[in-house]
Amino acid sequence: QDILQFLKITKETYEIIIAADVLIYIGNLDEIFKHSFKKLDKNGRFIFSVEELKFGTYKATYNGRFLHNSRYINKQLEKNKFFIETSRRTKIRKEHNKWVNGIIYSVMKDV
């Protein structure tokens, strides 16, 4: 099921939501962050990875994936009341025998 649709319809709340190699398929992340915040328990964590974009906000690539700029991510997280617990630039996976640079975030509800 589509992650956004799931977050909108589920009645459950969660201690943790993990989206590893998921948000690369979504450009604008505002709705994902908004609905993730609503579905997390108090002090809940959202852990996710993105492919890193050096300039701009987000950008579609030739393969249909999206790159995201860290400033854009930080702004959207702040807007949706998340506190960045940690973020780390790292190689997130190999594609065509080359490492893909990305960022892994662990964020908490800012309550």
PDB file of N, CA and C in Angstrom:
ATOM      1  N   GLN A   1       0.840  -1.176   0.000  1.00  0.00           N
ATOM      2  CA  GLN A   1       0.000   0.000   0.000  1.00  0.00           C
ATOM      3  C   GLN A   1       0.883   1.236   0.000  1.00  0.00           C
ATOM      4  N   ASP A   2       0.404   2.275  -0.609  1.00  0.00           N
ATOM      5  CA  ASP A   2       1.095   3.551  -0.643  1.00  0.00           C
ATOM      6  C   ASP A   2       1.288   4.058   0.791  1.00  0.00           C
ATOM      7  N   ILE A   3       2.495   4.494   1.130  1.00  0.00           N
ATOM      8  CA  ILE A   3       2.807   4.909   2.504  1.00  0.00           C
ATOM      9  C   ILE A   3       1.915   6.060   2.970  1.00  0.00           C
ATOM     10  N   LEU A   4       1.695   7.042   2.110  1.00  0.00           N
ATOM     11  CA  LEU A   4       0.874   8.188   2.506  1.00  0.00           C
ATOM     12  C   LEU A   4      -0.569   7.767   2.753  1.00  0.00           C
ATOM     13  N   GLN A   5      -1.115   6.950   1.870  1.00  0.00           N
ATOM     14  CA  GLN A   5      -2.486   6.475   2.059  1.00  0.00           C
ATOM     15  C   GLN A   5      -2.604   5.666   3.347  1.00  0.00           C
ATOM     16  N   PHE A   6      -1.614   4.823   3.616  1.00  0.00           N
ATOM     17  CA  PHE A   6      -1.621   4.036   4.844  1.00  0.00           C
ATOM     18  C   PHE A   6      -1.629   4.940   6.073  1.00  0.00           C
ATOM     19  N   LEU A   7      -0.743   5.928   6.087  1.00  0.00           N
ATOM     20  CA  LEU A   7      -0.661   6.831   7.235  1.00  0.00           C
ATOM     21  C   LEU A   7      -1.964   7.613   7.435  1.00  0.00           C
ATOM     22  N   LYS A   8      -2.640   7.936   6.343  1.00  0.00           N
ATOM     23  CA  LYS A   8      -3.893   8.679   6.443  1.00  0.00           C
ATOM     24  C   LYS A   8      -5.034   7.832   7.004  1.00  0.00           C
ATOM     25  N   ILE A   9      -5.059   6.536   6.711  1.00  0.00           N
ATOM     26  CA  ILE A   9      -6.222   5.723   7.091  1.00  0.00           C
ATOM     27  C   ILE A   9      -6.026   4.860   8.334  1.00  0.00           C
ATOM     28  N   THR A  10      -4.778   4.577   8.697  1.00  0.00           N
ATOM     29  CA  THR A  10      -4.585   3.695   9.848  1.00  0.00           C
ATOM     30  C   THR A  10      -5.068   4.358  11.138  1.00  0.00           C
ATOM     31  N   LYS A  11      -5.640   3.567  12.011  1.00  0.00           N
ATOM     32  CA  LYS A  11      -6.100   4.058  13.316  1.00  0.00           C
ATOM     33  C   LYS A  11      -5.034   3.850  14.387  1.00  0.00           C
ATOM     34  N   GLU A  12      -4.005   3.086  14.045  1.00  0.00           N
ATOM     35  CA  GLU A  12      -2.942   2.754  14.990  1.00  0.00           C
ATOM     36  C   GLU A  12      -1.982   3.931  15.173  1.00  0.00           C
ATOM     37  N   THR A  13      -1.288   3.922  16.306  1.00  0.00           N
ATOM     38  CA  THR A  13      -0.144   4.805  16.497  1.00  0.00           C
ATOM     39  C   THR A  13       1.066   3.915  16.769  1.00  0.00           C
ATOM     40  N   TYR A  14       2.250   4.478  16.587  1.00  0.00           N
ATOM     41  CA  TYR A  14       3.461   3.670  16.612  1.00  0.00           C
ATOM     42  C   TYR A  14       4.556   4.336  17.433  1.00  0.00           C
ATOM     43  N   GLU A  15       5.409   3.507  18.012  1.00  0.00           N
ATOM     44  CA  GLU A  15       6.585   4.008  18.711  1.00  0.00           C
ATOM     45  C   GLU A  15       7.661   4.405  17.715  1.00  0.00           C
ATOM     46  N   ILE A  16       7.673   3.710  16.580  1.00  0.00           N
ATOM     47  CA  ILE A  16       8.702   3.966  15.572  1.00  0.00           C
ATOM     48  C   ILE A  16       8.122   3.708  14.180  1.00  0.00           C
ATOM     49  N   ILE A  17       8.519   4.551  13.247  1.00  0.00           N
ATOM     50  CA  ILE A  17       8.224   4.355  11.832  1.00  0.00           C
ATOM     51  C   ILE A  17       9.567   4.370  11.120  1.00  0.00           C
ATOM     52  N   ILE A  18       9.828   3.339  10.326  1.00  0.00           N
ATOM     53  CA  ILE A  18      11.080   3.242   9.582  1.00  0.00           C
ATOM     54  C   ILE A  18      10.760   3.255   8.095  1.00  0.00           C
ATOM     55  N   ALA A  19      11.425   4.140   7.375  1.00  0.00           N
ATOM     56  CA  ALA A  19      11.238   4.251   5.925  1.00  0.00           C
ATOM     57  C   ALA A  19      12.617   4.269   5.260  1.00  0.00           C
ATOM     58  N   ALA A  20      13.267   3.109   5.239  1.00  0.00           N
ATOM     59  CA  ALA A  20      14.581   2.988   4.616  1.00  0.00           C
ATOM     60  C   ALA A  20      14.397   2.770   3.121  1.00  0.00           C
ATOM     61  N   ASP A  21      15.000   3.639   2.321  1.00  0.00           N
ATOM     62  CA  ASP A  21      14.933   3.556   0.869  1.00  0.00           C
ATOM     63  C   ASP A  21      13.490   3.648   0.360  1.00  0.00           C
ATOM     64  N   VAL A  22      12.669   4.451   1.044  1.00  0.00           N
ATOM     65  CA  VAL A  22      11.256   4.631   0.683  1.00  0.00           C
ATOM     66  C   VAL A  22      11.002   6.050   0.176  1.00  0.00           C
ATOM     67  N   LEU A  23      11.499   7.051   0.894  1.00  0.00           N
ATOM     68  CA  LEU A  23      11.187   8.441   0.560  1.00  0.00           C
ATOM     69  C   LEU A  23      11.819   8.885  -0.754  1.00  0.00           C
ATOM     70  N   ILE A  24      12.722   8.071  -1.295  1.00  0.00           N
ATOM     71  CA  ILE A  24      13.318   8.392  -2.592  1.00  0.00           C
ATOM     72  C   ILE A  24      12.296   8.311  -3.720  1.00  0.00           C
ATOM     73  N   TYR A  25      11.127   7.753  -3.429  1.00  0.00           N
ATOM     74  CA  TYR A  25      10.077   7.648  -4.437  1.00  0.00           C
ATOM     75  C   TYR A  25       9.031   8.758  -4.308  1.00  0.00           C
ATOM     76  N   ILE A  26       9.288   9.723  -3.432  1.00  0.00           N
ATOM     77  CA  ILE A  26       8.357  10.821  -3.179  1.00  0.00           C
ATOM     78  C   ILE A  26       9.126  12.133  -3.265  1.00  0.00           C
ATOM     79  N   GLY A  27       8.597  13.109  -3.970  1.00  0.00           N
ATOM     80  CA  GLY A  27       9.270  14.407  -4.082  1.00  0.00           C
ATOM     81  C   GLY A  27       8.991  15.277  -2.872  1.00  0.00           C
ATOM     82  N   ASN A  28       7.815  15.873  -2.817  1.00  0.00           N
ATOM     83  CA  ASN A  28       7.427  16.739  -1.708  1.00  0.00           C
ATOM     84  C   ASN A  28       7.114  15.863  -0.490  1.00  0.00           C
ATOM     85  N   LEU A  29       7.849  16.067   0.599  1.00  0.00           N
ATOM     86  CA  LEU A  29       7.716  15.208   1.785  1.00  0.00           C
ATOM     87  C   LEU A  29       6.827  15.791   2.875  1.00  0.00           C
ATOM     88  N   ASP A  30       6.241  16.961   2.647  1.00  0.00           N
ATOM     89  CA  ASP A  30       5.447  17.621   3.675  1.00  0.00           C
ATOM     90  C   ASP A  30       4.325  16.727   4.212  1.00  0.00           C
ATOM     91  N   GLU A  31       3.554  16.108   3.340  1.00  0.00           N
ATOM     92  CA  GLU A  31       2.437  15.261   3.781  1.00  0.00           C
ATOM     93  C   GLU A  31       2.916  14.013   4.515  1.00  0.00           C
ATOM     94  N   ILE A  32       4.022  13.451   4.071  1.00  0.00           N
ATOM     95  CA  ILE A  32       4.586  12.273   4.758  1.00  0.00           C
ATOM     96  C   ILE A  32       4.964  12.650   6.178  1.00  0.00           C
ATOM     97  N   PHE A  33       5.650  13.772   6.350  1.00  0.00           N
ATOM     98  CA  PHE A  33       6.049  14.200   7.686  1.00  0.00           C
ATOM     99  C   PHE A  33       4.826  14.552   8.538  1.00  0.00           C
ATOM    100  N   LYS A  34       3.884  15.226   7.955  1.00  0.00           N
ATOM    101  CA  LYS A  34       2.663  15.626   8.672  1.00  0.00           C
ATOM    102  C   LYS A  34       1.921  14.406   9.214  1.00  0.00           C
ATOM    103  N   HIS A  35       1.704  13.406   8.372  1.00  0.00           N
ATOM    104  CA  HIS A  35       0.934  12.240   8.799  1.00  0.00           C
ATOM    105  C   HIS A  35       1.767  11.280   9.651  1.00  0.00           C
ATOM    106  N   SER A  36       3.066  11.240   9.453  1.00  0.00           N
ATOM    107  CA  SER A  36       3.929  10.440  10.329  1.00  0.00           C
ATOM    108  C   SER A  36       3.881  10.993  11.748  1.00  0.00           C
ATOM    109  N   PHE A  37       3.934  12.327  11.858  1.00  0.00           N
ATOM    110  CA  PHE A  37       3.868  12.957  13.173  1.00  0.00           C
ATOM    111  C   PHE A  37       2.581  12.553  13.894  1.00  0.00           C
ATOM    112  N   LYS A  38       1.467  12.585  13.184  1.00  0.00           N
ATOM    113  CA  LYS A  38       0.169  12.243  13.783  1.00  0.00           C
ATOM    114  C   LYS A  38       0.103  10.793  14.245  1.00  0.00           C
ATOM    115  N   LYS A  39       0.832   9.906  13.587  1.00  0.00           N
ATOM    116  CA  LYS A  39       0.732   8.473  13.887  1.00  0.00           C
ATOM    117  C   LYS A  39       1.793   7.980  14.857  1.00  0.00           C
ATOM    118  N   LEU A  40       2.670   8.871  15.304  1.00  0.00           N
ATOM    119  CA  LEU A  40       3.682   8.475  16.279  1.00  0.00           C
ATOM    120  C   LEU A  40       3.196   8.735  17.702  1.00  0.00           C
ATOM    121  N   ASP A  41       3.529   7.801  18.595  1.00  0.00           N
ATOM    122  CA  ASP A  41       3.274   7.989  20.014  1.00  0.00           C
ATOM    123  C   ASP A  41       4.147   9.133  20.528  1.00  0.00           C
ATOM    124  N   LYS A  42       3.840   9.598  21.727  1.00  0.00           N
ATOM    125  CA  LYS A  42       4.696  10.597  22.376  1.00  0.00           C
ATOM    126  C   LYS A  42       6.114  10.040  22.432  1.00  0.00           C
ATOM    127  N   ASN A  43       7.087  10.870  22.090  1.00  0.00           N
ATOM    128  CA  ASN A  43       8.497  10.482  22.017  1.00  0.00           C
ATOM    129  C   ASN A  43       8.766   9.435  20.944  1.00  0.00           C
ATOM    130  N   GLY A  44       7.829   9.261  20.007  1.00  0.00           N
ATOM    131  CA  GLY A  44       8.027   8.319  18.905  1.00  0.00           C
ATOM    132  C   GLY A  44       9.102   8.811  17.947  1.00  0.00           C
ATOM    133  N   ARG A  45       9.694   7.862  17.236  1.00  0.00           N
ATOM    134  CA  ARG A  45      10.765   8.179  16.303  1.00  0.00           C
ATOM    135  C   ARG A  45      10.373   7.814  14.866  1.00  0.00           C
ATOM    136  N   PHE A  46      10.847   8.625  13.963  1.00  0.00           N
ATOM    137  CA  PHE A  46      10.723   8.366  12.532  1.00  0.00           C
ATOM    138  C   PHE A  46      12.147   8.277  12.002  1.00  0.00           C
ATOM    139  N   ILE A  47      12.500   7.130  11.468  1.00  0.00           N
ATOM    140  CA  ILE A  47      13.842   6.901  10.923  1.00  0.00           C
ATOM    141  C   ILE A  47      13.686   6.692   9.430  1.00  0.00           C
ATOM    142  N   PHE A  48      14.452   7.448   8.638  1.00  0.00           N
ATOM    143  CA  PHE A  48      14.313   7.369   7.190  1.00  0.00           C
ATOM    144  C   PHE A  48      15.617   7.738   6.500  1.00  0.00           C
ATOM    145  N   SER A  49      15.700   7.349   5.251  1.00  0.00           N
ATOM    146  CA  SER A  49      16.863   7.701   4.446  1.00  0.00           C
ATOM    147  C   SER A  49      16.403   8.457   3.202  1.00  0.00           C
ATOM    148  N   VAL A  50      17.286   9.307   2.703  1.00  0.00           N
ATOM    149  CA  VAL A  50      17.067  10.023   1.455  1.00  0.00           C
ATOM    150  C   VAL A  50      18.363  10.007   0.659  1.00  0.00           C
ATOM    151  N   GLU A  51      18.229  10.138  -0.666  1.00  0.00           N
ATOM    152  CA  GLU A  51      19.398  10.369  -1.505  1.00  0.00           C
ATOM    153  C   GLU A  51      19.666  11.859  -1.480  1.00  0.00           C
ATOM    154  N   GLU A  52      20.928  12.219  -1.387  1.00  0.00           N
ATOM    155  CA  GLU A  52      21.277  13.621  -1.165  1.00  0.00           C
ATOM    156  C   GLU A  52      21.372  14.444  -2.445  1.00  0.00           C
ATOM    157  N   LEU A  53      20.725  15.611  -2.401  1.00  0.00           N
ATOM    158  CA  LEU A  53      20.801  16.621  -3.454  1.00  0.00           C
ATOM    159  C   LEU A  53      21.594  17.801  -2.893  1.00  0.00           C
ATOM    160  N   LYS A  54      22.586  18.250  -3.619  1.00  0.00           N
ATOM    161  CA  LYS A  54      23.442  19.343  -3.131  1.00  0.00           C
ATOM    162  C   LYS A  54      22.754  20.710  -3.185  1.00  0.00           C
ATOM    163  N   PHE A  55      21.971  20.964  -4.246  1.00  0.00           N
ATOM    164  CA  PHE A  55      21.342  22.279  -4.422  1.00  0.00           C
ATOM    165  C   PHE A  55      19.877  22.114  -4.776  1.00  0.00           C
ATOM    166  N   GLY A  56      19.059  23.042  -4.319  1.00  0.00           N
ATOM    167  CA  GLY A  56      17.627  22.995  -4.599  1.00  0.00           C
ATOM    168  C   GLY A  56      16.862  22.386  -3.440  1.00  0.00           C
ATOM    169  N   THR A  57      15.651  21.945  -3.710  1.00  0.00           N
ATOM    170  CA  THR A  57      14.818  21.332  -2.668  1.00  0.00           C
ATOM    171  C   THR A  57      14.768  19.824  -2.867  1.00  0.00           C
ATOM    172  N   TYR A  58      14.137  19.411  -3.969  1.00  0.00           N
ATOM    173  CA  TYR A  58      14.145  18.002  -4.364  1.00  0.00           C
ATOM    174  C   TYR A  58      14.088  17.938  -5.879  1.00  0.00           C
ATOM    175  N   LYS A  59      14.534  16.800  -6.415  1.00  0.00           N
ATOM    176  CA  LYS A  59      14.631  16.697  -7.866  1.00  0.00           C
ATOM    177  C   LYS A  59      14.447  15.245  -8.277  1.00  0.00           C
ATOM    178  N   ALA A  60      13.631  15.037  -9.313  1.00  0.00           N
ATOM    179  CA  ALA A  60      13.450  13.700  -9.880  1.00  0.00           C
ATOM    180  C   ALA A  60      14.671  13.346 -10.725  1.00  0.00           C
ATOM    181  N   THR A  61      15.030  12.061 -10.702  1.00  0.00           N
ATOM    182  CA  THR A  61      16.154  11.583 -11.495  1.00  0.00           C
ATOM    183  C   THR A  61      15.645  10.792 -12.696  1.00  0.00           C
ATOM    184  N   TYR A  62      16.543  10.371 -13.535  1.00  0.00           N
ATOM    185  CA  TYR A  62      16.189   9.618 -14.747  1.00  0.00           C
ATOM    186  C   TYR A  62      15.463   8.306 -14.434  1.00  0.00           C
ATOM    187  N   ASN A  63      15.700   7.745 -13.246  1.00  0.00           N
ATOM    188  CA  ASN A  63      15.103   6.452 -12.883  1.00  0.00           C
ATOM    189  C   ASN A  63      13.818   6.581 -12.065  1.00  0.00           C
ATOM    190  N   GLY A  64      13.298   7.810 -11.953  1.00  0.00           N
ATOM    191  CA  GLY A  64      12.042   8.013 -11.242  1.00  0.00           C
ATOM    192  C   GLY A  64      12.187   8.184  -9.744  1.00  0.00           C
ATOM    193  N   ARG A  65      13.399   8.171  -9.252  1.00  0.00           N
ATOM    194  CA  ARG A  65      13.639   8.406  -7.826  1.00  0.00           C
ATOM    195  C   ARG A  65      13.880   9.898  -7.610  1.00  0.00           C
ATOM    196  N   PHE A  66      13.815  10.284  -6.330  1.00  0.00           N
ATOM    197  CA  PHE A  66      14.030  11.689  -5.985  1.00  0.00           C
ATOM    198  C   PHE A  66      15.259  11.849  -5.107  1.00  0.00           C
ATOM    199  N   LEU A  67      15.950  12.945  -5.329  1.00  0.00           N
ATOM    200  CA  LEU A  67      17.033  13.403  -4.454  1.00  0.00           C
ATOM    201  C   LEU A  67      16.458  14.525  -3.607  1.00  0.00           C
ATOM    202  N   HIS A  68      16.914  14.642  -2.351  1.00  0.00           N
ATOM    203  CA  HIS A  68      16.422  15.693  -1.452  1.00  0.00           C
ATOM    204  C   HIS A  68      17.598  16.444  -0.833  1.00  0.00           C
ATOM    205  N   ASN A  69      17.442  17.740  -0.728  1.00  0.00           N
ATOM    206  CA  ASN A  69      18.448  18.587  -0.105  1.00  0.00           C
ATOM    207  C   ASN A  69      18.249  18.580   1.408  1.00  0.00           C
ATOM    208  N   SER A  70      19.328  18.539   2.159  1.00  0.00           N
ATOM    209  CA  SER A  70      19.241  18.487   3.625  1.00  0.00           C
ATOM    210  C   SER A  70      18.564  19.723   4.213  1.00  0.00           C
ATOM    211  N   ARG A  71      18.771  20.907   3.623  1.00  0.00           N
ATOM    212  CA  ARG A  71      18.101  22.117   4.118  1.00  0.00           C
ATOM    213  C   ARG A  71      16.595  22.002   3.928  1.00  0.00           C
ATOM    214  N   TYR A  72      16.172  21.448   2.809  1.00  0.00           N
ATOM    215  CA  TYR A  72      14.747  21.219   2.564  1.00  0.00           C
ATOM    216  C   TYR A  72      14.184  20.242   3.600  1.00  0.00           C
ATOM    217  N   ILE A  73      14.889  19.148   3.831  1.00  0.00           N
ATOM    218  CA  ILE A  73      14.449  18.153   4.822  1.00  0.00           C
ATOM    219  C   ILE A  73      14.332  18.817   6.190  1.00  0.00           C
ATOM    220  N   ASN A  74      15.358  19.546   6.597  1.00  0.00           N
ATOM    221  CA  ASN A  74      15.357  20.192   7.911  1.00  0.00           C
ATOM    222  C   ASN A  74      14.188  21.163   8.050  1.00  0.00           C
ATOM    223  N   LYS A  75      13.919  21.930   7.009  1.00  0.00           N
ATOM    224  CA  LYS A  75      12.817  22.898   7.035  1.00  0.00           C
ATOM    225  C   LYS A  75      11.471  22.178   7.164  1.00  0.00           C
ATOM    226  N   GLN A  76      11.283  21.106   6.408  1.00  0.00           N
ATOM    227  CA  GLN A  76      10.036  20.354   6.472  1.00  0.00           C
ATOM    228  C   GLN A  76       9.859  19.669   7.826  1.00  0.00           C
ATOM    229  N   LEU A  77      10.939  19.157   8.388  1.00  0.00           N
ATOM    230  CA  LEU A  77      10.859  18.530   9.705  1.00  0.00           C
ATOM    231  C   LEU A  77      10.466  19.550  10.769  1.00  0.00           C
ATOM    232  N   GLU A  78      11.095  20.724  10.718  1.00  0.00           N
ATOM    233  CA  GLU A  78      10.766  21.782  11.681  1.00  0.00           C
ATOM    234  C   GLU A  78       9.310  22.210  11.525  1.00  0.00           C
ATOM    235  N   LYS A  79       8.860  22.398  10.308  1.00  0.00           N
ATOM    236  CA  LYS A  79       7.476  22.790  10.028  1.00  0.00           C
ATOM    237  C   LYS A  79       6.493  21.773  10.608  1.00  0.00           C
ATOM    238  N   ASN A  80       6.851  20.504  10.556  1.00  0.00           N
ATOM    239  CA  ASN A  80       5.965  19.440  11.026  1.00  0.00           C
ATOM    240  C   ASN A  80       6.283  18.976  12.450  1.00  0.00           C
ATOM    241  N   LYS A  81       7.008  19.815  13.185  1.00  0.00           N
ATOM    242  CA  LYS A  81       7.248  19.643  14.620  1.00  0.00           C
ATOM    243  C   LYS A  81       8.068  18.408  14.977  1.00  0.00           C
ATOM    244  N   PHE A  82       9.066  18.116  14.126  1.00  0.00           N
ATOM    245  CA  PHE A  82      10.013  17.051  14.448  1.00  0.00           C
ATOM    246  C   PHE A  82      11.318  17.656  14.933  1.00  0.00           C
ATOM    247  N   PHE A  83      11.958  16.972  15.845  1.00  0.00           N
ATOM    248  CA  PHE A  83      13.269  17.320  16.364  1.00  0.00           C
ATOM    249  C   PHE A  83      14.251  16.320  15.761  1.00  0.00           C
ATOM    250  N   ILE A  84      15.325  16.822  15.150  1.00  0.00           N
ATOM    251  CA  ILE A  84      16.321  15.916  14.570  1.00  0.00           C
ATOM    252  C   ILE A  84      17.203  15.388  15.692  1.00  0.00           C
ATOM    253  N   GLU A  85      17.071  14.121  15.940  1.00  0.00           N
ATOM    254  CA  GLU A  85      17.893  13.455  16.945  1.00  0.00           C
ATOM    255  C   GLU A  85      19.297  13.231  16.387  1.00  0.00           C
ATOM    256  N   THR A  86      19.357  12.745  15.156  1.00  0.00           N
ATOM    257  CA  THR A  86      20.640  12.554  14.489  1.00  0.00           C
ATOM    258  C   THR A  86      20.418  12.497  12.982  1.00  0.00           C
ATOM    259  N   SER A  87      21.411  12.939  12.261  1.00  0.00           N
ATOM    260  CA  SER A  87      21.428  12.767  10.811  1.00  0.00           C
ATOM    261  C   SER A  87      22.866  12.448  10.422  1.00  0.00           C
ATOM    262  N   ARG A  88      22.989  11.551   9.456  1.00  0.00           N
ATOM    263  CA  ARG A  88      24.336  11.115   9.085  1.00  0.00           C
ATOM    264  C   ARG A  88      24.425  10.897   7.579  1.00  0.00           C
ATOM    265  N   ARG A  89      25.389  11.554   6.991  1.00  0.00           N
ATOM    266  CA  ARG A  89      25.671  11.320   5.577  1.00  0.00           C
ATOM    267  C   ARG A  89      26.406   9.985   5.476  1.00  0.00           C
ATOM    268  N   THR A  90      25.967   9.179   4.509  1.00  0.00           N
ATOM    269  CA  THR A  90      26.568   7.856   4.349  1.00  0.00           C
ATOM    270  C   THR A  90      26.254   7.320   2.963  1.00  0.00           C
ATOM    271  N   LYS A  91      26.864   6.235   2.628  1.00  0.00           N
ATOM    272  CA  LYS A  91      26.537   5.525   1.392  1.00  0.00           C
ATOM    273  C   LYS A  91      25.352   4.623   1.724  1.00  0.00           C
ATOM    274  N   ILE A  92      24.211   4.841   1.053  1.00  0.00           N
ATOM    275  CA  ILE A  92      22.991   4.135   1.462  1.00  0.00           C
ATOM    276  C   ILE A  92      22.720   2.846   0.696  1.00  0.00           C
ATOM    277  N   ARG A  93      23.290   2.709  -0.504  1.00  0.00           N
ATOM    278  CA  ARG A  93      23.146   1.457  -1.255  1.00  0.00           C
ATOM    279  C   ARG A  93      24.031   1.534  -2.494  1.00  0.00           C
ATOM    280  N   LYS A  94      24.178   0.386  -3.157  1.00  0.00           N
ATOM    281  CA  LYS A  94      24.902   0.356  -4.428  1.00  0.00           C
ATOM    282  C   LYS A  94      23.910   0.297  -5.581  1.00  0.00           C
ATOM    283  N   GLU A  95      24.231   1.048  -6.621  1.00  0.00           N
ATOM    284  CA  GLU A  95      23.429   1.037  -7.834  1.00  0.00           C
ATOM    285  C   GLU A  95      24.394   0.993  -9.014  1.00  0.00           C
ATOM    286  N   HIS A  96      24.275  -0.017  -9.856  1.00  0.00           N
ATOM    287  CA  HIS A  96      25.193  -0.221 -10.984  1.00  0.00           C
ATOM    288  C   HIS A  96      26.643  -0.249 -10.491  1.00  0.00           C
ATOM    289  N   ASN A  97      26.866  -0.973  -9.386  1.00  0.00           N
ATOM    290  CA  ASN A  97      28.202  -1.145  -8.782  1.00  0.00           C
ATOM    291  C   ASN A  97      28.836   0.146  -8.285  1.00  0.00           C
ATOM    292  N   LYS A  98      28.022   1.196  -8.089  1.00  0.00           N
ATOM    293  CA  LYS A  98      28.522   2.453  -7.525  1.00  0.00           C
ATOM    294  C   LYS A  98      27.705   2.796  -6.288  1.00  0.00           C
ATOM    295  N   TRP A  99      28.367   3.351  -5.292  1.00  0.00           N
ATOM    296  CA  TRP A  99      27.681   3.756  -4.075  1.00  0.00           C
ATOM    297  C   TRP A  99      26.823   4.988  -4.329  1.00  0.00           C
ATOM    298  N   VAL A 100      25.659   5.003  -3.702  1.00  0.00           N
ATOM    299  CA  VAL A 100      24.748   6.149  -3.755  1.00  0.00           C
ATOM    300  C   VAL A 100      24.867   6.889  -2.431  1.00  0.00           C
ATOM    301  N   ASN A 101      25.163   8.187  -2.495  1.00  0.00           N
ATOM    302  CA  ASN A 101      25.287   8.999  -1.279  1.00  0.00           C
ATOM    303  C   ASN A 101      23.913   9.415  -0.784  1.00  0.00           C
ATOM    304  N   GLY A 102      23.752   9.358   0.513  1.00  0.00           N
ATOM    305  CA  GLY A 102      22.482   9.744   1.099  1.00  0.00           C
ATOM    306  C   GLY A 102      22.648  10.197   2.530  1.00  0.00           C
ATOM    307  N   ILE A 103      21.515  10.397   3.168  1.00  0.00           N
ATOM    308  CA  ILE A 103      21.482  10.819   4.574  1.00  0.00           C
ATOM    309  C   ILE A 103      20.464   9.947   5.292  1.00  0.00           C
ATOM    310  N   ILE A 104      20.848   9.461   6.452  1.00  0.00           N
ATOM    311  CA  ILE A 104      19.919   8.727   7.307  1.00  0.00           C
ATOM    312  C   ILE A 104      19.573   9.637   8.483  1.00  0.00           C
ATOM    313  N   TYR A 105      18.284   9.786   8.727  1.00  0.00           N
ATOM    314  CA  TYR A 105      17.785  10.635   9.803  1.00  0.00           C
ATOM    315  C   TYR A 105      17.081   9.792  10.861  1.00  0.00           C
ATOM    316  N   SER A 106      17.232  10.200  12.095  1.00  0.00           N
ATOM    317  CA  SER A 106      16.392   9.728  13.184  1.00  0.00           C
ATOM    318  C   SER A 106      15.803  10.984  13.820  1.00  0.00           C
ATOM    319  N   VAL A 107      14.472  11.108  13.742  1.00  0.00           N
ATOM    320  CA  VAL A 107      13.812  12.301  14.263  1.00  0.00           C
ATOM    321  C   VAL A 107      12.758  11.902  15.284  1.00  0.00           C
ATOM    322  N   MET A 108      12.462  12.807  16.191  1.00  0.00           N
ATOM    323  CA  MET A 108      11.478  12.573  17.248  1.00  0.00           C
ATOM    324  C   MET A 108      10.397  13.642  17.197  1.00  0.00           C
ATOM    325  N   LYS A 109       9.240  13.287  17.716  1.00  0.00           N
ATOM    326  CA  LYS A 109       8.186  14.285  17.868  1.00  0.00           C
ATOM    327  C   LYS A 109       8.665  15.356  18.835  1.00  0.00           C
ATOM    328  N   ASP A 110       8.512  16.586  18.465  1.00  0.00           N
ATOM    329  CA  ASP A 110       8.903  17.711  19.308  1.00  0.00           C
ATOM    330  C   ASP A 110       7.669  18.134  20.109  1.00  0.00           C
ATOM    331  N   VAL A 111       7.466  17.459  21.258  1.00  0.00           N
ATOM    332  CA  VAL A 111       6.266  17.734  22.048  1.00  0.00           C
ATOM    333  C   VAL A 111       6.594  18.472  23.320  1.00  0.00           C
TER     334      VAL A 111
END
